[in-house]
Protein backbone atom coordinates (compact mmCIF):
# COMPACT_ATOMS: atom_id res chain seq x y z
CA MET A 1 26.29 -36.66 9.10
CA ALA A 2 29.69 -34.99 9.20
CA ARG A 3 31.61 -35.49 12.43
CA LEU A 4 34.08 -33.07 14.00
CA THR A 5 36.86 -34.25 16.29
CA LEU A 6 38.31 -31.51 18.48
CA LEU A 7 41.90 -32.01 19.70
CA LEU A 8 42.02 -30.06 22.93
CA PRO A 9 44.41 -28.99 25.69
CA ALA A 10 44.24 -30.81 29.01
CA ALA A 11 40.80 -30.91 30.63
CA SER A 12 42.48 -29.74 33.83
CA ARG A 13 42.89 -26.34 32.14
CA PHE A 14 39.12 -25.91 32.50
CA ALA A 15 39.07 -26.58 36.25
CA GLY A 16 36.69 -24.32 38.13
CA ILE A 17 34.91 -23.05 34.99
CA ALA A 18 31.18 -23.74 34.90
CA LEU A 19 30.00 -25.21 31.62
CA PRO A 20 27.26 -23.51 29.56
CA PRO A 21 23.97 -25.33 30.34
CA ALA A 22 23.48 -26.87 26.88
CA LEU A 23 27.09 -28.11 26.79
CA ALA A 24 26.81 -29.48 30.33
CA LYS A 25 23.72 -31.43 29.31
CA ALA A 26 25.36 -32.80 26.14
CA LEU A 27 28.52 -33.90 27.95
CA GLY A 28 26.50 -35.50 30.74
CA ARG A 29 24.76 -37.69 28.15
CA ALA A 30 27.88 -38.39 26.05
CA ASP A 31 30.02 -41.53 26.09
CA ARG A 32 33.09 -40.85 28.22
CA ARG A 33 36.49 -42.57 28.01
CA GLN A 34 39.94 -42.21 29.52
CA ALA A 35 42.97 -42.77 27.29
CA ASP A 36 46.71 -42.35 27.85
CA PRO A 37 47.58 -38.75 28.79
CA GLY A 38 50.01 -36.50 26.94
CA GLU A 39 50.08 -34.49 23.71
CA PRO A 40 52.18 -37.11 21.85
CA GLU A 41 49.59 -39.73 22.81
CA LEU A 42 46.78 -37.40 21.70
CA LEU A 43 48.37 -36.90 18.29
CA ALA A 44 49.05 -40.64 17.98
CA ARG A 45 45.34 -41.36 18.46
CA HIS A 46 44.53 -39.38 15.32
CA PHE A 47 47.65 -39.52 13.13
CA ASP A 48 49.40 -42.73 12.12
CA LEU A 49 53.00 -42.10 11.05
CA THR A 50 55.32 -44.72 9.55
CA PRO A 51 57.65 -45.11 11.34
CA ARG A 52 55.88 -44.03 14.52
CA GLY A 53 56.82 -40.83 16.30
CA TRP A 54 56.33 -37.11 15.77
CA PRO A 55 59.45 -35.60 14.12
CA ALA A 56 58.23 -32.00 14.21
CA ALA A 57 61.34 -30.52 12.59
CA ALA A 58 61.08 -32.74 9.51
CA LEU A 59 57.32 -32.12 9.23
CA THR A 60 57.68 -28.34 9.39
CA ARG A 61 60.65 -28.49 7.02
CA LEU A 62 58.36 -30.12 4.47
CA LEU A 63 55.96 -27.21 4.90
CA ASP A 64 58.75 -24.64 4.53
CA ALA A 65 60.87 -26.21 1.78
CA GLY A 66 58.96 -29.07 0.14
CA GLU A 67 59.06 -32.84 0.50
CA GLY A 68 62.00 -33.43 -1.82
CA GLU A 69 64.29 -31.19 0.22
CA ALA A 70 62.96 -32.37 3.59
CA ARG A 71 63.50 -36.03 2.78
CA GLY A 72 67.19 -35.58 2.07
CA ALA A 73 68.39 -35.35 5.69
CA SER A 74 67.62 -35.58 9.38
CA TRP A 75 66.39 -32.32 10.91
CA LEU A 76 66.42 -30.57 14.27
CA ARG A 77 64.66 -27.31 15.06
CA ALA A 78 66.98 -24.65 16.49
CA ASP A 79 64.53 -21.83 17.09
CA PRO A 80 65.49 -18.34 18.31
CA ALA A 81 64.73 -18.04 22.01
CA HIS A 82 64.84 -15.65 24.94
CA ILE A 83 65.97 -16.97 28.32
CA ARG A 84 65.86 -14.68 31.36
CA PRO A 85 67.95 -15.40 34.47
CA ASP A 86 66.16 -15.12 37.78
CA ILE A 87 66.96 -15.81 41.40
CA ASN A 88 66.18 -19.51 41.05
CA GLY A 89 67.78 -20.21 37.67
CA ALA A 90 66.84 -19.18 34.12
CA ARG A 91 63.41 -19.24 32.49
CA LEU A 92 62.42 -19.76 28.89
CA LEU A 93 60.18 -16.79 28.17
CA GLY A 94 59.91 -16.84 24.40
CA VAL A 95 60.59 -19.04 21.38
CA GLY A 96 60.16 -18.38 17.67
CA ALA A 97 56.84 -16.78 16.83
CA ASN A 98 56.34 -15.06 20.19
CA LEU A 99 59.63 -13.14 19.86
CA GLY A 100 58.42 -10.99 16.97
CA MET A 101 61.06 -12.37 14.61
CA GLU A 102 61.49 -10.76 11.20
CA GLN A 103 63.69 -11.45 8.21
CA ALA A 104 66.02 -8.65 9.33
CA ASP A 105 66.72 -10.64 12.50
CA VAL A 106 67.61 -13.71 10.45
CA ASP A 107 69.88 -11.70 8.16
CA ALA A 108 71.71 -10.19 11.13
CA LEU A 109 72.08 -13.19 13.44
CA LEU A 110 72.43 -16.23 11.20
CA PRO A 111 75.86 -15.35 9.72
CA ALA A 112 77.35 -15.11 13.21
CA LEU A 113 75.95 -18.50 14.28
CA ARG A 114 76.57 -20.59 11.17
CA PRO A 115 80.32 -21.07 11.76
CA LEU A 116 79.68 -22.49 15.24
CA PHE A 117 77.49 -25.23 13.80
CA GLY A 118 79.60 -25.70 10.70
CA ASP A 119 82.57 -26.61 12.89
CA ALA A 120 80.36 -29.27 14.53
CA GLY A 121 79.29 -30.68 11.15
CA PHE A 122 75.79 -29.17 11.09
CA ALA A 123 74.21 -26.70 8.64
CA LEU A 124 72.01 -23.95 10.12
CA ASP A 125 69.38 -22.14 8.04
CA ALA A 126 66.08 -20.35 8.49
CA PRO A 127 63.57 -20.60 5.61
CA HIS A 128 61.05 -18.94 7.92
CA PRO A 129 61.98 -16.21 10.45
CA THR A 130 60.45 -18.12 13.37
CA ARG A 131 61.54 -21.63 12.32
CA TRP A 132 65.27 -22.30 12.24
CA TYR A 133 66.77 -25.69 11.38
CA LEU A 134 69.88 -27.77 11.73
CA ARG A 135 70.54 -30.25 8.94
CA LEU A 136 72.13 -33.33 10.50
CA GLN A 137 74.02 -36.27 9.11
CA ALA A 138 72.07 -39.54 9.16
CA GLY A 139 72.57 -41.40 12.41
CA THR A 140 73.57 -38.35 14.46
CA PRO A 141 72.77 -39.32 18.08
CA LEU A 142 70.33 -36.90 19.69
CA PRO A 143 69.26 -36.61 23.32
CA ALA A 144 65.60 -36.13 24.24
CA PHE A 145 64.91 -32.42 23.72
CA ALA A 146 61.84 -30.78 25.27
CA SER A 147 59.44 -28.96 22.97
CA PRO A 148 58.83 -25.22 23.55
CA ASP A 149 55.27 -25.98 24.70
CA GLN A 150 56.66 -28.20 27.44
CA ALA A 151 59.31 -25.75 28.61
CA LEU A 152 57.86 -22.27 28.09
CA GLY A 153 57.78 -20.40 31.38
CA ASP A 154 59.80 -23.06 33.22
CA ASP A 155 63.35 -23.16 34.46
CA VAL A 156 65.39 -24.32 31.46
CA PHE A 157 67.50 -26.59 33.66
CA ASP A 158 64.40 -28.65 34.42
CA HIS A 159 64.20 -29.45 30.69
CA ALA A 160 67.91 -29.75 29.89
CA PRO A 161 68.81 -32.86 27.85
CA ARG A 162 70.55 -35.63 29.75
CA GLY A 163 73.02 -38.38 28.95
CA ASP A 164 76.19 -38.74 26.92
CA ALA A 165 74.61 -37.48 23.71
CA ALA A 166 73.73 -34.18 25.44
CA ARG A 167 77.32 -33.11 26.17
CA ARG A 168 78.15 -31.71 22.74
CA TRP A 169 74.84 -29.85 22.70
CA ARG A 170 75.51 -28.23 26.06
CA ALA A 171 78.88 -27.06 24.73
CA LEU A 172 77.23 -25.66 21.60
CA GLU A 173 74.60 -23.88 23.69
CA SER A 174 77.29 -22.17 25.74
CA GLU A 175 79.16 -20.97 22.64
CA LEU A 176 76.12 -19.65 20.85
CA GLN A 177 74.83 -17.86 23.96
CA ILE A 178 78.13 -16.00 24.21
CA THR A 179 77.93 -15.08 20.52
CA LEU A 180 74.34 -13.86 20.83
CA HIS A 181 75.00 -11.95 24.05
CA ASN A 182 77.72 -9.92 22.32
CA HIS A 183 75.86 -9.38 19.06
CA PRO A 184 75.01 -5.72 18.29
CA HIS A 185 71.71 -6.66 16.67
CA ASN A 186 70.30 -7.49 20.10
CA VAL A 187 70.97 -3.89 21.13
CA ALA A 188 68.80 -2.83 18.19
CA ARG A 189 66.07 -5.26 19.23
CA LEU A 190 66.06 -3.81 22.74
CA ALA A 191 65.88 -0.29 21.34
CA SER A 192 62.80 -1.29 19.32
CA GLY A 193 61.06 -2.70 22.42
CA ARG A 194 61.77 -6.37 21.71
CA VAL A 195 63.64 -8.81 23.89
CA PRO A 196 67.07 -10.04 22.74
CA VAL A 197 67.56 -13.38 21.07
CA ASN A 198 70.01 -14.87 23.55
CA ALA A 199 69.64 -18.62 22.90
CA LEU A 200 68.44 -21.24 20.43
CA TRP A 201 65.97 -23.91 21.51
CA PHE A 202 66.68 -27.37 20.11
CA TRP A 203 63.73 -29.71 19.66
CA GLY A 204 61.70 -31.93 17.34
CA GLY A 205 64.54 -33.93 15.79
CA GLY A 206 64.11 -36.79 13.32
CA ASN A 207 63.59 -37.89 9.74
CA LEU A 208 60.56 -37.31 7.56
CA PRO A 209 58.10 -40.22 7.91
CA ASP A 210 57.54 -42.56 5.00
CA ALA A 211 53.75 -42.20 5.22
CA VAL A 212 51.00 -40.44 7.19
CA SER A 213 47.32 -41.25 7.61
CA ALA A 214 44.68 -39.72 9.87
CA THR A 215 41.27 -40.46 11.32
CA ALA A 216 39.65 -37.79 9.10
CA PRO A 217 40.38 -36.52 5.58
CA THR A 218 40.43 -32.84 6.58
CA VAL A 219 42.69 -31.24 9.20
CA TYR A 220 42.30 -27.72 10.56
CA SER A 221 45.28 -26.46 12.58
CA ASP A 222 47.60 -23.54 13.22
CA ASP A 223 50.45 -25.92 14.12
CA PRO A 224 52.95 -26.10 11.22
CA ALA A 225 53.94 -29.67 12.15
CA VAL A 226 50.32 -30.83 11.95
CA LEU A 227 49.89 -29.06 8.60
CA GLY A 228 53.13 -30.68 7.40
CA ALA A 229 51.81 -34.10 8.42
CA ALA A 230 48.57 -33.38 6.55
CA ARG A 231 50.48 -32.41 3.41
CA LEU A 232 52.64 -35.54 3.57
CA GLY A 233 49.52 -37.69 3.97
CA LYS A 234 47.75 -35.97 1.05
CA LEU A 235 45.09 -34.74 3.47
CA GLN A 236 43.30 -31.43 3.19
CA GLY A 237 45.16 -29.24 5.69
CA MET A 238 43.94 -25.70 6.43
CA PRO A 239 44.23 -23.01 9.12
CA LEU A 240 41.62 -22.97 11.87
CA PRO A 241 38.23 -21.77 10.63
CA ALA A 242 35.25 -20.54 12.58
CA ILE A 243 33.23 -23.49 13.85
CA ASP A 244 30.41 -22.88 11.38
CA GLN A 245 32.90 -23.02 8.49
CA ALA A 246 34.30 -26.45 9.38
CA GLU A 247 32.97 -28.91 6.82
CA GLY A 248 32.83 -32.68 6.51
CA ASP A 249 34.56 -35.21 8.75
CA ALA A 250 37.47 -33.22 10.15
CA LEU A 251 40.09 -32.98 12.85
CA VAL A 252 40.15 -29.53 14.48
CA ASP A 253 43.42 -28.96 16.32
CA LEU A 254 42.77 -26.57 19.22
CA ARG A 255 45.71 -27.56 21.45
CA GLY A 256 47.37 -24.18 21.05
CA GLN A 257 44.36 -22.13 22.15
CA ARG A 258 45.13 -20.47 25.48
CA ASP A 259 41.76 -19.13 26.69
CA PRO A 260 39.65 -21.98 28.13
CA ARG A 261 36.50 -19.85 28.39
CA ALA A 262 36.78 -18.90 24.72
CA LEU A 263 37.26 -22.57 23.82
CA LEU A 264 34.05 -23.46 25.62
CA ASP A 265 32.02 -20.66 24.09
CA ARG A 266 33.43 -20.60 20.54
CA TRP A 267 34.16 -24.28 19.93
CA LEU A 268 32.89 -26.88 22.38
CA ALA A 269 29.37 -25.49 22.83
CA PRO A 270 28.74 -24.97 19.07
CA ALA A 271 30.28 -28.37 18.22
CA ALA A 272 28.03 -30.06 20.79
CA ALA A 273 25.01 -28.29 19.31
CA ARG A 274 25.80 -29.90 15.93
CA GLY A 275 25.17 -33.29 17.57
CA GLU A 276 28.00 -35.38 16.08
CA ALA A 277 31.38 -34.60 17.63
CA ASP A 278 34.30 -36.00 19.60
CA PHE A 279 36.20 -34.03 22.22
CA ASP A 280 39.68 -35.44 22.91
CA PHE A 281 41.68 -33.75 25.66
CA ALA A 282 45.46 -33.90 26.06
CA ASP A 283 45.23 -35.50 29.51
CA GLY A 284 43.33 -38.46 28.05
CA LEU A 285 39.72 -37.56 28.81
CA SER A 286 37.42 -37.87 25.81
CA PHE A 287 33.71 -37.52 25.02
CA ALA A 288 31.86 -39.00 22.05
CA LEU A 289 28.67 -37.03 21.32
CA SER A 290 25.79 -38.17 19.13
CA SER A 291 22.35 -36.76 18.38
CA SER A 292 20.80 -40.04 19.56
CA GLN A 293 22.01 -39.32 23.09
CA ARG A 294 19.26 -36.72 23.54
CA TRP A 295 17.06 -39.59 24.78
CA ARG A 296 19.37 -40.19 27.76
CA ILE A 297 17.23 -37.89 29.84
CA TRP A 298 18.08 -39.72 33.08
CA ARG A 299 21.70 -38.59 32.93
CA ARG A 300 22.59 -35.49 34.87
CA PRO A 301 24.39 -32.54 33.24
CA LEU A 302 28.13 -32.40 33.76
CA PRO A 303 28.77 -29.30 35.88
CA ALA A 304 32.46 -28.94 35.02
CA LEU A 305 35.21 -30.69 33.10
CA SER A 306 37.48 -32.87 35.18
CA ALA A 307 40.26 -35.26 34.17
């Protein structure tokens, strides 16, 4: 029987939410495990990249421009961002897709920013309005950049890169913020009810992997990096379906879903009703469900998810 594996946000996100009775019964009877916490660790449990890692910029570049072009360089995402100063510092409030970026924004802002990066030896382009890239020379040292998911809503200084390799990037950030602050296109964005693009968020650097494999032949996801990995591995990669449209052995990437109640009602409960499923949470908690577990009648229902 086909088996679905749901890749889920942290189980702690469901704290205080009572489980539907049928789901509580199924999880109480399921095999439970605890693995290493973290989204990189979650992805590594289901995707095997050679060499290991998760170079999101190179994977999304493959999706946007093809493997031949993506394999010719090292890549770093430099996505349009909005940072808002507050009394305690400055918070990252939007990156890429949640800024309402359009091609007109790219056409207006990119020409002003390209010379800054060209002087540093990098090429900036944007094959997709929400995904901007720096093409880097091989061997360019990069600090550890935080992903937007890690930093969104936080003080940006808590996620600032550290070390010697970060110095040139801090200087670049200062220059481009001045350029963006003075750019007339941001006045037009404000007039249209959108926030200004006043920063770029660097993240996801690396080279395209040599090979990708996964624990299932089909991958459903709305994450461009996951879909890029699926394409590189010759897997069947598709946008998220409704649960009753997911077919065969498949990975269903639900990490980006924000409403825990909707996840329970629309995904976990129907997947549990199918009988054969795995639930893998980003904080390491996992459940393996099987139809044969219905005979474990001595096990109590699980009243709520807890990591």
